[in-house]
Amino acid sequence: MKSLEEAVRAAKKERDEAIDAAEKKLWTTINELKGRYHGAQTDIAQILDITRDTILKNVKKHTTDKPNK
């Protein structure tokens, strides 16, 4: 039987992995969408209420591809 600590650590690890996977999926999708038309990145930033710089930083952090310009 797992100890309480092991069970909590396992649950936390599972949650962290799910969050990381969701972040990667979000920013990979954003990376694809921002290349759809001129100004799409600005529109995405407005929709998400973040800066364009935040988009670039997160795309770089969470994707293996280079950001689309």
C-alpha atoms as a PDB file:
ATOM      1  CA  MET A   1       0.000   0.000   0.000  1.00  0.00           C
ATOM      2  CA  LYS A   2       1.339   3.416  -0.930  1.00  0.00           C
ATOM      3  CA  SER A   3       2.057   5.864   1.775  1.00  0.00           C
ATOM      4  CA  LEU A   4       0.098   9.100   1.799  1.00  0.00           C
ATOM      5  CA  GLU A   5       3.178  11.019   0.675  1.00  0.00           C
ATOM      6  CA  GLU A   6       3.739   8.719  -2.321  1.00  0.00           C
ATOM      7  CA  ALA A   7       0.088   9.003  -3.352  1.00  0.00           C
ATOM      8  CA  VAL A   8       0.140  12.804  -3.121  1.00  0.00           C
ATOM      9  CA  ARG A   9       3.418  13.031  -5.044  1.00  0.00           C
ATOM     10  CA  ALA A  10       2.050  10.728  -7.768  1.00  0.00           C
ATOM     11  CA  ALA A  11      -1.151  12.779  -8.076  1.00  0.00           C
ATOM     12  CA  LYS A  12       0.846  16.023  -8.261  1.00  0.00           C
ATOM     13  CA  LYS A  13       3.151  14.584 -10.912  1.00  0.00           C
ATOM     14  CA  GLU A  14       0.169  13.463 -12.985  1.00  0.00           C
ATOM     15  CA  ARG A  15      -1.419  16.916 -12.687  1.00  0.00           C
ATOM     16  CA  ASP A  16       1.825  18.678 -13.619  1.00  0.00           C
ATOM     17  CA  GLU A  17       2.247  16.474 -16.694  1.00  0.00           C
ATOM     18  CA  ALA A  18      -1.341  17.181 -17.792  1.00  0.00           C
ATOM     19  CA  ILE A  19      -0.809  20.930 -17.374  1.00  0.00           C
ATOM     20  CA  ASP A  20       2.431  20.775 -19.375  1.00  0.00           C
ATOM     21  CA  ALA A  21       0.707  18.812 -22.158  1.00  0.00           C
ATOM     22  CA  ALA A  22      -2.176  21.319 -22.269  1.00  0.00           C
ATOM     23  CA  GLU A  23       0.236  24.271 -22.404  1.00  0.00           C
ATOM     24  CA  LYS A  24       2.206  22.635 -25.215  1.00  0.00           C
ATOM     25  CA  LYS A  25      -0.999  21.974 -27.181  1.00  0.00           C
ATOM     26  CA  LEU A  26      -2.259  25.535 -26.663  1.00  0.00           C
ATOM     27  CA  TRP A  27       0.959  27.229 -27.757  1.00  0.00           C
ATOM     28  CA  THR A  28       1.491  24.848 -30.679  1.00  0.00           C
ATOM     29  CA  THR A  29      -2.003  25.738 -31.899  1.00  0.00           C
ATOM     30  CA  ILE A  30      -1.379  29.457 -31.344  1.00  0.00           C
ATOM     31  CA  ASN A  31       1.860  29.133 -33.322  1.00  0.00           C
ATOM     32  CA  GLU A  32      -0.093  27.679 -36.251  1.00  0.00           C
ATOM     33  CA  LEU A  33      -2.947  30.196 -36.010  1.00  0.00           C
ATOM     34  CA  LYS A  34      -0.768  33.297 -35.863  1.00  0.00           C
ATOM     35  CA  GLY A  35       0.469  32.609 -39.373  1.00  0.00           C
ATOM     36  CA  ARG A  36      -3.008  32.524 -40.913  1.00  0.00           C
ATOM     37  CA  TYR A  37      -3.066  36.159 -42.016  1.00  0.00           C
ATOM     38  CA  HIS A  38      -1.200  39.412 -41.527  1.00  0.00           C
ATOM     39  CA  GLY A  39      -2.154  40.728 -38.105  1.00  0.00           C
ATOM     40  CA  ALA A  40      -3.369  37.404 -36.698  1.00  0.00           C
ATOM     41  CA  GLN A  41      -0.843  37.517 -33.856  1.00  0.00           C
ATOM     42  CA  THR A  42      -2.147  40.936 -32.808  1.00  0.00           C
ATOM     43  CA  ASP A  43      -5.722  39.638 -32.916  1.00  0.00           C
ATOM     44  CA  ILE A  44      -4.765  36.570 -30.845  1.00  0.00           C
ATOM     45  CA  ALA A  45      -3.039  38.786 -28.285  1.00  0.00           C
ATOM     46  CA  GLN A  46      -6.173  40.905 -28.007  1.00  0.00           C
ATOM     47  CA  ILE A  47      -8.437  37.846 -27.640  1.00  0.00           C
ATOM     48  CA  LEU A  48      -6.213  36.364 -24.903  1.00  0.00           C
ATOM     49  CA  ASP A  49      -5.593  39.770 -23.286  1.00  0.00           C
ATOM     50  CA  ILE A  50      -1.821  39.307 -23.443  1.00  0.00           C
ATOM     51  CA  THR A  51       1.010  40.989 -25.319  1.00  0.00           C
ATOM     52  CA  ARG A  52       2.449  39.844 -28.614  1.00  0.00           C
ATOM     53  CA  ASP A  53       5.754  39.390 -26.794  1.00  0.00           C
ATOM     54  CA  THR A  54       4.083  36.958 -24.391  1.00  0.00           C
ATOM     55  CA  ILE A  55       2.887  34.941 -27.374  1.00  0.00           C
ATOM     56  CA  LEU A  56       6.396  34.767 -28.818  1.00  0.00           C
ATOM     57  CA  LYS A  57       7.942  33.767 -25.477  1.00  0.00           C
ATOM     58  CA  ASN A  58       5.371  31.045 -24.824  1.00  0.00           C
ATOM     59  CA  VAL A  59       5.533  29.668 -28.354  1.00  0.00           C
ATOM     60  CA  LYS A  60       9.306  29.454 -28.034  1.00  0.00           C
ATOM     61  CA  LYS A  61       9.049  27.851 -24.576  1.00  0.00           C
ATOM     62  CA  HIS A  62       6.365  25.282 -25.371  1.00  0.00           C
ATOM     63  CA  THR A  63       7.048  24.247 -28.956  1.00  0.00           C
ATOM     64  CA  THR A  64       9.945  22.516 -30.601  1.00  0.00           C
ATOM     65  CA  ASP A  65       9.369  24.381 -33.863  1.00  0.00           C
ATOM     66  CA  LYS A  66      10.626  27.866 -34.464  1.00  0.00           C
ATOM     67  CA  PRO A  67       7.874  30.486 -34.087  1.00  0.00           C
ATOM     68  CA  ASN A  68       6.060  31.411 -37.288  1.00  0.00           C
ATOM     69  CA  LYS A  69       6.446  35.076 -38.150  1.00  0.00           C
END
